[in-house]
Amino acid sequence: MMLDSQELSARGRRELESIRYAIRLAEA
């Protein structure tokens, strides 16, 4: 379970960064 949580966190973090970047571009 710990491994799954870590993997999910890493993947979610990367996805969140990508979405945040896209929003920033859209705002700009």
PDB file of N, CA and C in Angstrom:
ATOM      1  N   MET A   1       0.848  -1.215   0.000  1.00  0.00           N
ATOM      2  CA  MET A   1       0.000   0.000   0.000  1.00  0.00           C
ATOM      3  C   MET A   1       0.879   1.259   0.000  1.00  0.00           C
ATOM      4  N   MET A   2       1.959   1.195   0.750  1.00  0.00           N
ATOM      5  CA  MET A   2       2.845   2.364   0.806  1.00  0.00           C
ATOM      6  C   MET A   2       3.416   2.659  -0.578  1.00  0.00           C
ATOM      7  N   LEU A   3       3.801   1.589  -1.282  1.00  0.00           N
ATOM      8  CA  LEU A   3       4.360   1.765  -2.629  1.00  0.00           C
ATOM      9  C   LEU A   3       3.324   2.402  -3.534  1.00  0.00           C
ATOM     10  N   ASP A   4       2.088   1.901  -3.467  1.00  0.00           N
ATOM     11  CA  ASP A   4       1.029   2.455  -4.320  1.00  0.00           C
ATOM     12  C   ASP A   4       0.822   3.937  -4.007  1.00  0.00           C
ATOM     13  N   SER A   5       0.813   4.255  -2.729  1.00  0.00           N
ATOM     14  CA  SER A   5       0.602   5.654  -2.331  1.00  0.00           C
ATOM     15  C   SER A   5       1.718   6.532  -2.878  1.00  0.00           C
ATOM     16  N   GLN A   6       2.940   6.040  -2.780  1.00  0.00           N
ATOM     17  CA  GLN A   6       4.085   6.826  -3.272  1.00  0.00           C
ATOM     18  C   GLN A   6       3.978   7.023  -4.781  1.00  0.00           C
ATOM     19  N   GLU A   7       3.641   5.948  -5.478  1.00  0.00           N
ATOM     20  CA  GLU A   7       3.544   6.045  -6.939  1.00  0.00           C
ATOM     21  C   GLU A   7       2.423   7.007  -7.322  1.00  0.00           C
ATOM     22  N   LEU A   8       1.315   6.906  -6.625  1.00  0.00           N
ATOM     23  CA  LEU A   8       0.172   7.777  -6.923  1.00  0.00           C
ATOM     24  C   LEU A   8       0.555   9.226  -6.654  1.00  0.00           C
ATOM     25  N   SER A   9       1.265   9.453  -5.561  1.00  0.00           N
ATOM     26  CA  SER A   9       1.667  10.821  -5.214  1.00  0.00           C
ATOM     27  C   SER A   9       2.566  11.398  -6.298  1.00  0.00           C
ATOM     28  N   ALA A  10       3.536  10.609  -6.741  1.00  0.00           N
ATOM     29  CA  ALA A  10       4.473  11.085  -7.765  1.00  0.00           C
ATOM     30  C   ALA A  10       3.724  11.369  -9.061  1.00  0.00           C
ATOM     31  N   ARG A  11       2.846  10.453  -9.447  1.00  0.00           N
ATOM     32  CA  ARG A  11       2.113  10.637 -10.703  1.00  0.00           C
ATOM     33  C   ARG A  11       1.168  11.831 -10.575  1.00  0.00           C
ATOM     34  N   GLY A  12       0.459  11.933  -9.475  1.00  0.00           N
ATOM     35  CA  GLY A  12      -0.476  13.041  -9.280  1.00  0.00           C
ATOM     36  C   GLY A  12       0.264  14.371  -9.264  1.00  0.00           C
ATOM     37  N   ARG A  13       1.422  14.373  -8.639  1.00  0.00           N
ATOM     38  CA  ARG A  13       2.200  15.617  -8.560  1.00  0.00           C
ATOM     39  C   ARG A  13       2.602  16.069  -9.969  1.00  0.00           C
ATOM     40  N   ARG A  14       3.008  15.102 -10.782  1.00  0.00           N
ATOM     41  CA  ARG A  14       3.447  15.439 -12.139  1.00  0.00           C
ATOM     42  C   ARG A  14       2.243  15.947 -12.944  1.00  0.00           C
ATOM     43  N   GLU A  15       1.111  15.283 -12.781  1.00  0.00           N
ATOM     44  CA  GLU A  15      -0.083  15.704 -13.528  1.00  0.00           C
ATOM     45  C   GLU A  15      -0.516  17.095 -13.070  1.00  0.00           C
ATOM     46  N   LEU A  16      -0.449  17.325 -11.780  1.00  0.00           N
ATOM     47  CA  LEU A  16      -0.855  18.621 -11.238  1.00  0.00           C
ATOM     48  C   LEU A  16       0.039  19.718 -11.807  1.00  0.00           C
ATOM     49  N   GLU A  17       1.326  19.445 -11.891  1.00  0.00           N
ATOM     50  CA  GLU A  17       2.262  20.443 -12.439  1.00  0.00           C
ATOM     51  C   GLU A  17       1.921  20.745 -13.890  1.00  0.00           C
ATOM     52  N   SER A  18       1.595  19.699 -14.636  1.00  0.00           N
ATOM     53  CA  SER A  18       1.271  19.881 -16.059  1.00  0.00           C
ATOM     54  C   SER A  18       0.012  20.734 -16.201  1.00  0.00           C
ATOM     55  N   ILE A  19      -0.996  20.428 -15.386  1.00  0.00           N
ATOM     56  CA  ILE A  19      -2.256  21.181 -15.460  1.00  0.00           C
ATOM     57  C   ILE A  19      -2.010  22.631 -15.048  1.00  0.00           C
ATOM     58  N   ARG A  20      -1.227  22.803 -13.992  1.00  0.00           N
ATOM     59  CA  ARG A  20      -0.943  24.161 -13.505  1.00  0.00           C
ATOM     60  C   ARG A  20      -0.235  24.959 -14.606  1.00  0.00           C
ATOM     61  N   TYR A  21       0.677  24.308 -15.293  1.00  0.00           N
ATOM     62  CA  TYR A  21       1.425  24.977 -16.372  1.00  0.00           C
ATOM     63  C   TYR A  21       0.472  25.381 -17.493  1.00  0.00           C
ATOM     64  N   ALA A  22      -0.443  24.485 -17.834  1.00  0.00           N
ATOM     65  CA  ALA A  22      -1.408  24.769 -18.908  1.00  0.00           C
ATOM     66  C   ALA A  22      -2.290  25.951 -18.513  1.00  0.00           C
ATOM     67  N   ILE A  23      -2.717  25.983 -17.268  1.00  0.00           N
ATOM     68  CA  ILE A  23      -3.576  27.090 -16.812  1.00  0.00           C
ATOM     69  C   ILE A  23      -2.802  28.398 -16.883  1.00  0.00           C
ATOM     70  N   ARG A  24      -1.533  28.345 -16.504  1.00  0.00           N
ATOM     71  CA  ARG A  24      -0.707  29.556 -16.507  1.00  0.00           C
ATOM     72  C   ARG A  24      -0.593  30.067 -17.952  1.00  0.00           C
ATOM     73  N   LEU A  25      -0.392  29.159 -18.882  1.00  0.00           N
ATOM     74  CA  LEU A  25      -0.273  29.548 -20.294  1.00  0.00           C
ATOM     75  C   LEU A  25      -1.592  30.150 -20.772  1.00  0.00           C
ATOM     76  N   ALA A  26      -2.682  29.537 -20.369  1.00  0.00           N
ATOM     77  CA  ALA A  26      -4.003  30.022 -20.802  1.00  0.00           C
ATOM     78  C   ALA A  26      -4.248  31.418 -20.232  1.00  0.00           C
ATOM     79  N   GLU A  27      -3.857  31.617 -18.985  1.00  0.00           N
ATOM     80  CA  GLU A  27      -4.066  32.936 -18.368  1.00  0.00           C
ATOM     81  C   GLU A  27      -3.209  33.983 -19.063  1.00  0.00           C
ATOM     82  N   ALA A  28      -1.983  33.586 -19.409  1.00  0.00           N
ATOM     83  CA  ALA A  28      -1.065  34.527 -20.061  1.00  0.00           C
ATOM     84  C   ALA A  28      -1.561  34.762 -21.481  1.00  0.00           C
TER      85      ALA A  28
END
